[in-house]
Amino acid sequence: MKLQIILSSILVLSACDTPPVVSDFNGSSVKIQTSAFTSVKEARTSSQAEASRICGKVGKHAEYASTSAAADYVSEHLYLCL
């Protein structure tokens, strides 16, 4: 029983460290999704890095615009590619 609790805890904790996901990109803006369980500072840093990488592919830089709740436990960050 203790082993099951330990294994379950490890699985739950490992799911919290999810990378940012690009949900939309149109050349002028990019939307990045992060887990709501990620700290605000870490989510902002990782989403900014991913947005900069994506906007950089079209020779632009990413500028933060807003954050909204996309679904349960998912935050969506909008960046403009300028």
PDB file of N, CA and C in Angstrom:
ATOM      1  N   MET A   1       0.819  -1.192   0.000  1.00  0.00           N
ATOM      2  CA  MET A   1       0.000   0.000   0.000  1.00  0.00           C
ATOM      3  C   MET A   1       0.862   1.255   0.000  1.00  0.00           C
ATOM      4  N   LYS A   2       1.908   1.244   0.830  1.00  0.00           N
ATOM      5  CA  LYS A   2       2.797   2.406   0.882  1.00  0.00           C
ATOM      6  C   LYS A   2       3.485   2.620  -0.462  1.00  0.00           C
ATOM      7  N   LEU A   3       3.845   1.535  -1.114  1.00  0.00           N
ATOM      8  CA  LEU A   3       4.504   1.633  -2.411  1.00  0.00           C
ATOM      9  C   LEU A   3       3.584   2.281  -3.444  1.00  0.00           C
ATOM     10  N   GLN A   4       2.315   1.933  -3.420  1.00  0.00           N
ATOM     11  CA  GLN A   4       1.353   2.532  -4.351  1.00  0.00           C
ATOM     12  C   GLN A   4       1.208   4.032  -4.107  1.00  0.00           C
ATOM     13  N   ILE A   5       1.197   4.441  -2.858  1.00  0.00           N
ATOM     14  CA  ILE A   5       1.089   5.859  -2.523  1.00  0.00           C
ATOM     15  C   ILE A   5       2.330   6.606  -3.005  1.00  0.00           C
ATOM     16  N   ILE A   6       3.475   6.040  -2.794  1.00  0.00           N
ATOM     17  CA  ILE A   6       4.725   6.674  -3.229  1.00  0.00           C
ATOM     18  C   ILE A   6       4.766   6.795  -4.751  1.00  0.00           C
ATOM     19  N   LEU A   7       4.421   5.729  -5.445  1.00  0.00           N
ATOM     20  CA  LEU A   7       4.432   5.760  -6.908  1.00  0.00           C
ATOM     21  C   LEU A   7       3.407   6.754  -7.451  1.00  0.00           C
ATOM     22  N   SER A   8       2.249   6.805  -6.844  1.00  0.00           N
ATOM     23  CA  SER A   8       1.217   7.761  -7.269  1.00  0.00           C
ATOM     24  C   SER A   8       1.693   9.197  -7.063  1.00  0.00           C
ATOM     25  N   SER A   9       2.349   9.454  -5.950  1.00  0.00           N
ATOM     26  CA  SER A   9       2.863  10.782  -5.661  1.00  0.00           C
ATOM     27  C   SER A   9       3.909  11.209  -6.686  1.00  0.00           C
ATOM     28  N   ILE A  10       4.772  10.289  -7.043  1.00  0.00           N
ATOM     29  CA  ILE A  10       5.810  10.585  -8.037  1.00  0.00           C
ATOM     30  C   ILE A  10       5.183  10.913  -9.388  1.00  0.00           C
ATOM     31  N   LEU A  11       4.187  10.154  -9.787  1.00  0.00           N
ATOM     32  CA  LEU A  11       3.517  10.405 -11.060  1.00  0.00           C
ATOM     33  C   LEU A  11       2.817  11.758 -11.068  1.00  0.00           C
ATOM     34  N   VAL A  12       2.162  12.108  -9.987  1.00  0.00           N
ATOM     35  CA  VAL A  12       1.470  13.387  -9.897  1.00  0.00           C
ATOM     36  C   VAL A  12       2.464  14.540  -9.956  1.00  0.00           C
ATOM     37  N   LEU A  13       3.548  14.430  -9.218  1.00  0.00           N
ATOM     38  CA  LEU A  13       4.541  15.496  -9.214  1.00  0.00           C
ATOM     39  C   LEU A  13       5.247  15.628 -10.557  1.00  0.00           C
ATOM     40  N   SER A  14       5.479  14.532 -11.243  1.00  0.00           N
ATOM     41  CA  SER A  14       6.156  14.597 -12.540  1.00  0.00           C
ATOM     42  C   SER A  14       5.262  15.241 -13.590  1.00  0.00           C
ATOM     43  N   ALA A  15       3.963  15.149 -13.440  1.00  0.00           N
ATOM     44  CA  ALA A  15       3.035  15.755 -14.395  1.00  0.00           C
ATOM     45  C   ALA A  15       2.997  17.269 -14.273  1.00  0.00           C
ATOM     46  N   CYS A  16       3.447  17.812 -13.156  1.00  0.00           N
ATOM     47  CA  CYS A  16       3.405  19.259 -12.935  1.00  0.00           C
ATOM     48  C   CYS A  16       4.454  20.004 -13.747  1.00  0.00           C
ATOM     49  N   ASP A  17       5.527  19.337 -14.109  1.00  0.00           N
ATOM     50  CA  ASP A  17       6.604  19.989 -14.847  1.00  0.00           C
ATOM     51  C   ASP A  17       6.409  19.773 -16.346  1.00  0.00           C
ATOM     52  N   THR A  18       5.426  20.458 -16.908  1.00  0.00           N
ATOM     53  CA  THR A  18       5.130  20.308 -18.330  1.00  0.00           C
ATOM     54  C   THR A  18       5.671  21.499 -19.098  1.00  0.00           C
ATOM     55  N   PRO A  19       6.216  21.280 -20.263  1.00  0.00           N
ATOM     56  CA  PRO A  19       6.757  22.375 -21.066  1.00  0.00           C
ATOM     57  C   PRO A  19       5.632  23.208 -21.686  1.00  0.00           C
ATOM     58  N   PRO A  20       5.925  24.447 -22.062  1.00  0.00           N
ATOM     59  CA  PRO A  20       4.912  25.264 -22.736  1.00  0.00           C
ATOM     60  C   PRO A  20       4.572  24.689 -24.106  1.00  0.00           C
ATOM     61  N   VAL A  21       3.327  24.891 -24.533  1.00  0.00           N
ATOM     62  CA  VAL A  21       2.843  24.344 -25.799  1.00  0.00           C
ATOM     63  C   VAL A  21       2.326  25.476 -26.668  1.00  0.00           C
ATOM     64  N   VAL A  22       2.741  25.513 -27.928  1.00  0.00           N
ATOM     65  CA  VAL A  22       2.229  26.498 -28.877  1.00  0.00           C
ATOM     66  C   VAL A  22       0.859  26.027 -29.338  1.00  0.00           C
ATOM     67  N   SER A  23      -0.170  26.845 -29.073  1.00  0.00           N
ATOM     68  CA  SER A  23      -1.524  26.449 -29.464  1.00  0.00           C
ATOM     69  C   SER A  23      -1.997  27.159 -30.725  1.00  0.00           C
ATOM     70  N   ASP A  24      -1.355  28.288 -31.067  1.00  0.00           N
ATOM     71  CA  ASP A  24      -1.764  29.034 -32.259  1.00  0.00           C
ATOM     72  C   ASP A  24      -0.634  29.960 -32.687  1.00  0.00           C
ATOM     73  N   PHE A  25      -0.414  30.054 -33.979  1.00  0.00           N
ATOM     74  CA  PHE A  25       0.590  30.975 -34.535  1.00  0.00           C
ATOM     75  C   PHE A  25       0.141  31.371 -35.921  1.00  0.00           C
ATOM     76  N   ASN A  26       0.120  32.689 -36.185  1.00  0.00           N
ATOM     77  CA  ASN A  26      -0.308  33.154 -37.504  1.00  0.00           C
ATOM     78  C   ASN A  26       0.678  34.129 -38.154  1.00  0.00           C
ATOM     79  N   GLY A  27       1.883  34.221 -37.612  1.00  0.00           N
ATOM     80  CA  GLY A  27       2.873  35.135 -38.159  1.00  0.00           C
ATOM     81  C   GLY A  27       2.875  36.491 -37.478  1.00  0.00           C
ATOM     82  N   SER A  28       1.731  36.894 -36.931  1.00  0.00           N
ATOM     83  CA  SER A  28       1.616  38.174 -36.231  1.00  0.00           C
ATOM     84  C   SER A  28       1.468  38.002 -34.723  1.00  0.00           C
ATOM     85  N   SER A  29       1.031  36.827 -34.298  1.00  0.00           N
ATOM     86  CA  SER A  29       0.889  36.548 -32.871  1.00  0.00           C
ATOM     87  C   SER A  29       1.060  35.059 -32.629  1.00  0.00           C
ATOM     88  N   VAL A  30       1.349  34.742 -31.377  1.00  0.00           N
ATOM     89  CA  VAL A  30       1.502  33.346 -30.980  1.00  0.00           C
ATOM     90  C   VAL A  30       0.851  33.176 -29.614  1.00  0.00           C
ATOM     91  N   LYS A  31       0.149  32.045 -29.436  1.00  0.00           N
ATOM     92  CA  LYS A  31      -0.460  31.708 -28.160  1.00  0.00           C
ATOM     93  C   LYS A  31       0.283  30.513 -27.585  1.00  0.00           C
ATOM     94  N   ILE A  32       0.691  30.656 -26.327  1.00  0.00           N
ATOM     95  CA  ILE A  32       1.447  29.622 -25.644  1.00  0.00           C
ATOM     96  C   ILE A  32       0.631  29.156 -24.440  1.00  0.00           C
ATOM     97  N   GLN A  33       0.453  27.856 -24.299  1.00  0.00           N
ATOM     98  CA  GLN A  33      -0.281  27.307 -23.165  1.00  0.00           C
ATOM     99  C   GLN A  33       0.683  26.724 -22.146  1.00  0.00           C
ATOM    100  N   THR A  34       0.387  27.015 -20.867  1.00  0.00           N
ATOM    101  CA  THR A  34       1.168  26.460 -19.762  1.00  0.00           C
ATOM    102  C   THR A  34       0.210  25.877 -18.729  1.00  0.00           C
ATOM    103  N   SER A  35       0.726  25.015 -17.893  1.00  0.00           N
ATOM    104  CA  SER A  35      -0.072  24.417 -16.830  1.00  0.00           C
ATOM    105  C   SER A  35      -0.353  25.464 -15.761  1.00  0.00           C
ATOM    106  N   ALA A  36      -1.559  25.468 -15.241  1.00  0.00           N
ATOM    107  CA  ALA A  36      -1.916  26.397 -14.171  1.00  0.00           C
ATOM    108  C   ALA A  36      -1.216  26.024 -12.867  1.00  0.00           C
ATOM    109  N   PHE A  37      -0.649  24.832 -12.792  1.00  0.00           N
ATOM    110  CA  PHE A  37       0.078  24.401 -11.604  1.00  0.00           C
ATOM    111  C   PHE A  37       1.508  24.943 -11.581  1.00  0.00           C
ATOM    112  N   THR A  38       1.968  25.491 -12.698  1.00  0.00           N
ATOM    113  CA  THR A  38       3.296  26.085 -12.782  1.00  0.00           C
ATOM    114  C   THR A  38       3.254  27.453 -12.130  1.00  0.00           C
ATOM    115  N   SER A  39       4.320  27.831 -11.435  1.00  0.00           N
ATOM    116  CA  SER A  39       4.349  29.155 -10.808  1.00  0.00           C
ATOM    117  C   SER A  39       4.235  30.238 -11.884  1.00  0.00           C
ATOM    118  N   VAL A  40       3.678  31.378 -11.499  1.00  0.00           N
ATOM    119  CA  VAL A  40       3.466  32.472 -12.450  1.00  0.00           C
ATOM    120  C   VAL A  40       4.785  32.911 -13.069  1.00  0.00           C
ATOM    121  N   LYS A  41       5.810  33.036 -12.251  1.00  0.00           N
ATOM    122  CA  LYS A  41       7.124  33.477 -12.746  1.00  0.00           C
ATOM    123  C   LYS A  41       7.704  32.474 -13.749  1.00  0.00           C
ATOM    124  N   GLU A  42       7.624  31.197 -13.399  1.00  0.00           N
ATOM    125  CA  GLU A  42       8.163  30.162 -14.292  1.00  0.00           C
ATOM    126  C   GLU A  42       7.355  30.073 -15.591  1.00  0.00           C
ATOM    127  N   ALA A  43       6.028  30.175 -15.483  1.00  0.00           N
ATOM    128  CA  ALA A  43       5.178  30.126 -16.678  1.00  0.00           C
ATOM    129  C   ALA A  43       5.481  31.296 -17.596  1.00  0.00           C
ATOM    130  N   ARG A  44       5.645  32.464 -17.032  1.00  0.00           N
ATOM    131  CA  ARG A  44       5.934  33.664 -17.836  1.00  0.00           C
ATOM    132  C   ARG A  44       7.299  33.545 -18.511  1.00  0.00           C
ATOM    133  N   THR A  45       8.283  33.056 -17.775  1.00  0.00           N
ATOM    134  CA  THR A  45       9.634  32.906 -18.329  1.00  0.00           C
ATOM    135  C   THR A  45       9.666  31.868 -19.449  1.00  0.00           C
ATOM    136  N   SER A  46       9.057  30.709 -19.209  1.00  0.00           N
ATOM    137  CA  SER A  46       9.097  29.645 -20.220  1.00  0.00           C
ATOM    138  C   SER A  46       8.242  29.995 -21.437  1.00  0.00           C
ATOM    139  N   SER A  47       7.105  30.652 -21.225  1.00  0.00           N
ATOM    140  CA  SER A  47       6.269  31.025 -22.371  1.00  0.00           C
ATOM    141  C   SER A  47       6.929  32.132 -23.189  1.00  0.00           C
ATOM    142  N   GLN A  48       7.631  33.056 -22.525  1.00  0.00           N
ATOM    143  CA  GLN A  48       8.351  34.110 -23.240  1.00  0.00           C
ATOM    144  C   GLN A  48       9.456  33.514 -24.111  1.00  0.00           C
ATOM    145  N   ALA A  49      10.174  32.549 -23.568  1.00  0.00           N
ATOM    146  CA  ALA A  49      11.249  31.908 -24.331  1.00  0.00           C
ATOM    147  C   ALA A  49      10.689  31.189 -25.555  1.00  0.00           C
ATOM    148  N   GLU A  50       9.580  30.469 -25.371  1.00  0.00           N
ATOM    149  CA  GLU A  50       8.979  29.740 -26.494  1.00  0.00           C
ATOM    150  C   GLU A  50       8.417  30.711 -27.531  1.00  0.00           C
ATOM    151  N   ALA A  51       7.779  31.782 -27.087  1.00  0.00           N
ATOM    152  CA  ALA A  51       7.238  32.775 -28.014  1.00  0.00           C
ATOM    153  C   ALA A  51       8.367  33.465 -28.792  1.00  0.00           C
ATOM    154  N   SER A  52       9.461  33.758 -28.111  1.00  0.00           N
ATOM    155  CA  SER A  52      10.613  34.374 -28.787  1.00  0.00           C
ATOM    156  C   SER A  52      11.175  33.443 -29.852  1.00  0.00           C
ATOM    157  N   ARG A  53      11.218  32.148 -29.548  1.00  0.00           N
ATOM    158  CA  ARG A  53      11.720  31.163 -30.515  1.00  0.00           C
ATOM    159  C   ARG A  53      10.812  31.100 -31.738  1.00  0.00           C
ATOM    160  N   ILE A  54       9.503  31.069 -31.516  1.00  0.00           N
ATOM    161  CA  ILE A  54       8.556  30.963 -32.626  1.00  0.00           C
ATOM    162  C   ILE A  54       8.547  32.238 -33.463  1.00  0.00           C
ATOM    163  N   CYS A  55       8.456  33.400 -32.827  1.00  0.00           N
ATOM    164  CA  CYS A  55       8.455  34.673 -33.573  1.00  0.00           C
ATOM    165  C   CYS A  55       9.783  34.881 -34.302  1.00  0.00           C
ATOM    166  N   GLY A  56      10.870  34.387 -33.706  1.00  0.00           N
ATOM    167  CA  GLY A  56      12.182  34.510 -34.329  1.00  0.00           C
ATOM    168  C   GLY A  56      12.278  33.774 -35.652  1.00  0.00           C
ATOM    169  N   LYS A  57      11.456  32.759 -35.831  1.00  0.00           N
ATOM    170  CA  LYS A  57      11.465  32.005 -37.091  1.00  0.00           C
ATOM    171  C   LYS A  57      10.998  32.835 -38.272  1.00  0.00           C
ATOM    172  N   VAL A  58      10.245  33.913 -38.010  1.00  0.00           N
ATOM    173  CA  VAL A  58       9.790  34.798 -39.083  1.00  0.00           C
ATOM    174  C   VAL A  58      10.472  36.164 -38.985  1.00  0.00           C
ATOM    175  N   GLY A  59      11.608  36.217 -38.252  1.00  0.00           N
ATOM    176  CA  GLY A  59      12.403  37.431 -38.163  1.00  0.00           C
ATOM    177  C   GLY A  59      11.804  38.517 -37.284  1.00  0.00           C
ATOM    178  N   LYS A  60      10.989  38.143 -36.298  1.00  0.00           N
ATOM    179  CA  LYS A  60      10.358  39.113 -35.416  1.00  0.00           C
ATOM    180  C   LYS A  60      10.688  38.774 -33.970  1.00  0.00           C
ATOM    181  N   HIS A  61      10.359  39.701 -33.056  1.00  0.00           N
ATOM    182  CA  HIS A  61      10.541  39.420 -31.630  1.00  0.00           C
ATOM    183  C   HIS A  61       9.176  39.366 -30.950  1.00  0.00           C
ATOM    184  N   ALA A  62       9.095  38.644 -29.849  1.00  0.00           N
ATOM    185  CA  ALA A  62       7.825  38.440 -29.139  1.00  0.00           C
ATOM    186  C   ALA A  62       7.636  39.491 -28.060  1.00  0.00           C
ATOM    187  N   GLU A  63       6.434  40.065 -28.017  1.00  0.00           N
ATOM    188  CA  GLU A  63       6.078  41.020 -26.975  1.00  0.00           C
ATOM    189  C   GLU A  63       4.820  40.525 -26.273  1.00  0.00           C
ATOM    190  N   TYR A  64       4.893  40.415 -24.945  1.00  0.00           N
ATOM    191  CA  TYR A  64       3.780  39.900 -24.147  1.00  0.00           C
ATOM    192  C   TYR A  64       2.559  40.800 -24.295  1.00  0.00           C
ATOM    193  N   ALA A  65       1.368  40.200 -24.440  1.00  0.00           N
ATOM    194  CA  ALA A  65       0.127  40.963 -24.553  1.00  0.00           C
ATOM    195  C   ALA A  65      -0.842  40.644 -23.418  1.00  0.00           C
ATOM    196  N   SER A  66      -1.115  39.350 -23.159  1.00  0.00           N
ATOM    197  CA  SER A  66      -2.097  39.008 -22.129  1.00  0.00           C
ATOM    198  C   SER A  66      -2.021  37.538 -21.752  1.00  0.00           C
ATOM    199  N   THR A  67      -2.740  37.201 -20.671  1.00  0.00           N
ATOM    200  CA  THR A  67      -2.892  35.816 -20.231  1.00  0.00           C
ATOM    201  C   THR A  67      -4.360  35.575 -19.918  1.00  0.00           C
ATOM    202  N   SER A  68      -4.854  34.409 -20.308  1.00  0.00           N
ATOM    203  CA  SER A  68      -6.238  34.048 -20.003  1.00  0.00           C
ATOM    204  C   SER A  68      -6.311  32.555 -19.668  1.00  0.00           C
ATOM    205  N   ALA A  69      -7.425  32.157 -19.077  1.00  0.00           N
ATOM    206  CA  ALA A  69      -7.642  30.743 -18.776  1.00  0.00           C
ATOM    207  C   ALA A  69      -8.213  30.082 -20.023  1.00  0.00           C
ATOM    208  N   ALA A  70      -7.505  29.104 -20.564  1.00  0.00           N
ATOM    209  CA  ALA A  70      -7.943  28.437 -21.788  1.00  0.00           C
ATOM    210  C   ALA A  70      -8.871  27.262 -21.480  1.00  0.00           C
ATOM    211  N   ALA A  71      -8.609  26.574 -20.409  1.00  0.00           N
ATOM    212  CA  ALA A  71      -9.408  25.412 -19.991  1.00  0.00           C
ATOM    213  C   ALA A  71      -9.076  25.158 -18.528  1.00  0.00           C
ATOM    214  N   ASP A  72      -9.652  24.120 -17.957  1.00  0.00           N
ATOM    215  CA  ASP A  72      -9.316  23.775 -16.575  1.00  0.00           C
ATOM    216  C   ASP A  72      -7.819  23.518 -16.463  1.00  0.00           C
ATOM    217  N   TYR A  73      -7.174  24.251 -15.578  1.00  0.00           N
ATOM    218  CA  TYR A  73      -5.761  24.067 -15.259  1.00  0.00           C
ATOM    219  C   TYR A  73      -4.817  24.396 -16.421  1.00  0.00           C
ATOM    220  N   VAL A  74      -5.273  25.214 -17.377  1.00  0.00           N
ATOM    221  CA  VAL A  74      -4.427  25.639 -18.493  1.00  0.00           C
ATOM    222  C   VAL A  74      -4.510  27.153 -18.639  1.00  0.00           C
ATOM    223  N   SER A  75      -3.353  27.803 -18.674  1.00  0.00           N
ATOM    224  CA  SER A  75      -3.285  29.237 -18.923  1.00  0.00           C
ATOM    225  C   SER A  75      -2.768  29.456 -20.335  1.00  0.00           C
ATOM    226  N   GLU A  76      -3.318  30.443 -21.022  1.00  0.00           N
ATOM    227  CA  GLU A  76      -2.893  30.738 -22.392  1.00  0.00           C
ATOM    228  C   GLU A  76      -2.328  32.153 -22.435  1.00  0.00           C
ATOM    229  N   HIS A  77      -1.106  32.276 -22.914  1.00  0.00           N
ATOM    230  CA  HIS A  77      -0.389  33.547 -22.961  1.00  0.00           C
ATOM    231  C   HIS A  77      -0.322  34.009 -24.416  1.00  0.00           C
ATOM    232  N   LEU A  78      -0.760  35.221 -24.663  1.00  0.00           N
ATOM    233  CA  LEU A  78      -0.733  35.777 -26.007  1.00  0.00           C
ATOM    234  C   LEU A  78       0.471  36.695 -26.153  1.00  0.00           C
ATOM    235  N   TYR A  79       1.242  36.483 -27.205  1.00  0.00           N
ATOM    236  CA  TYR A  79       2.401  37.314 -27.524  1.00  0.00           C
ATOM    237  C   TYR A  79       2.221  37.844 -28.945  1.00  0.00           C
ATOM    238  N   LEU A  80       2.559  39.113 -29.139  1.00  0.00           N
ATOM    239  CA  LEU A  80       2.547  39.705 -30.468  1.00  0.00           C
ATOM    240  C   LEU A  80       3.930  39.545 -31.073  1.00  0.00           C
ATOM    241  N   CYS A  81       3.977  39.208 -32.350  1.00  0.00           N
ATOM    242  CA  CYS A  81       5.256  39.100 -33.063  1.00  0.00           C
ATOM    243  C   CYS A  81       5.461  40.418 -33.790  1.00  0.00           C
ATOM    244  N   LEU A  82       6.404  41.214 -33.311  1.00  0.00           N
ATOM    245  CA  LEU A  82       6.664  42.538 -33.889  1.00  0.00           C
ATOM    246  C   LEU A  82       8.044  42.622 -34.513  1.00  0.00           C
TER     247      LEU A  82
END
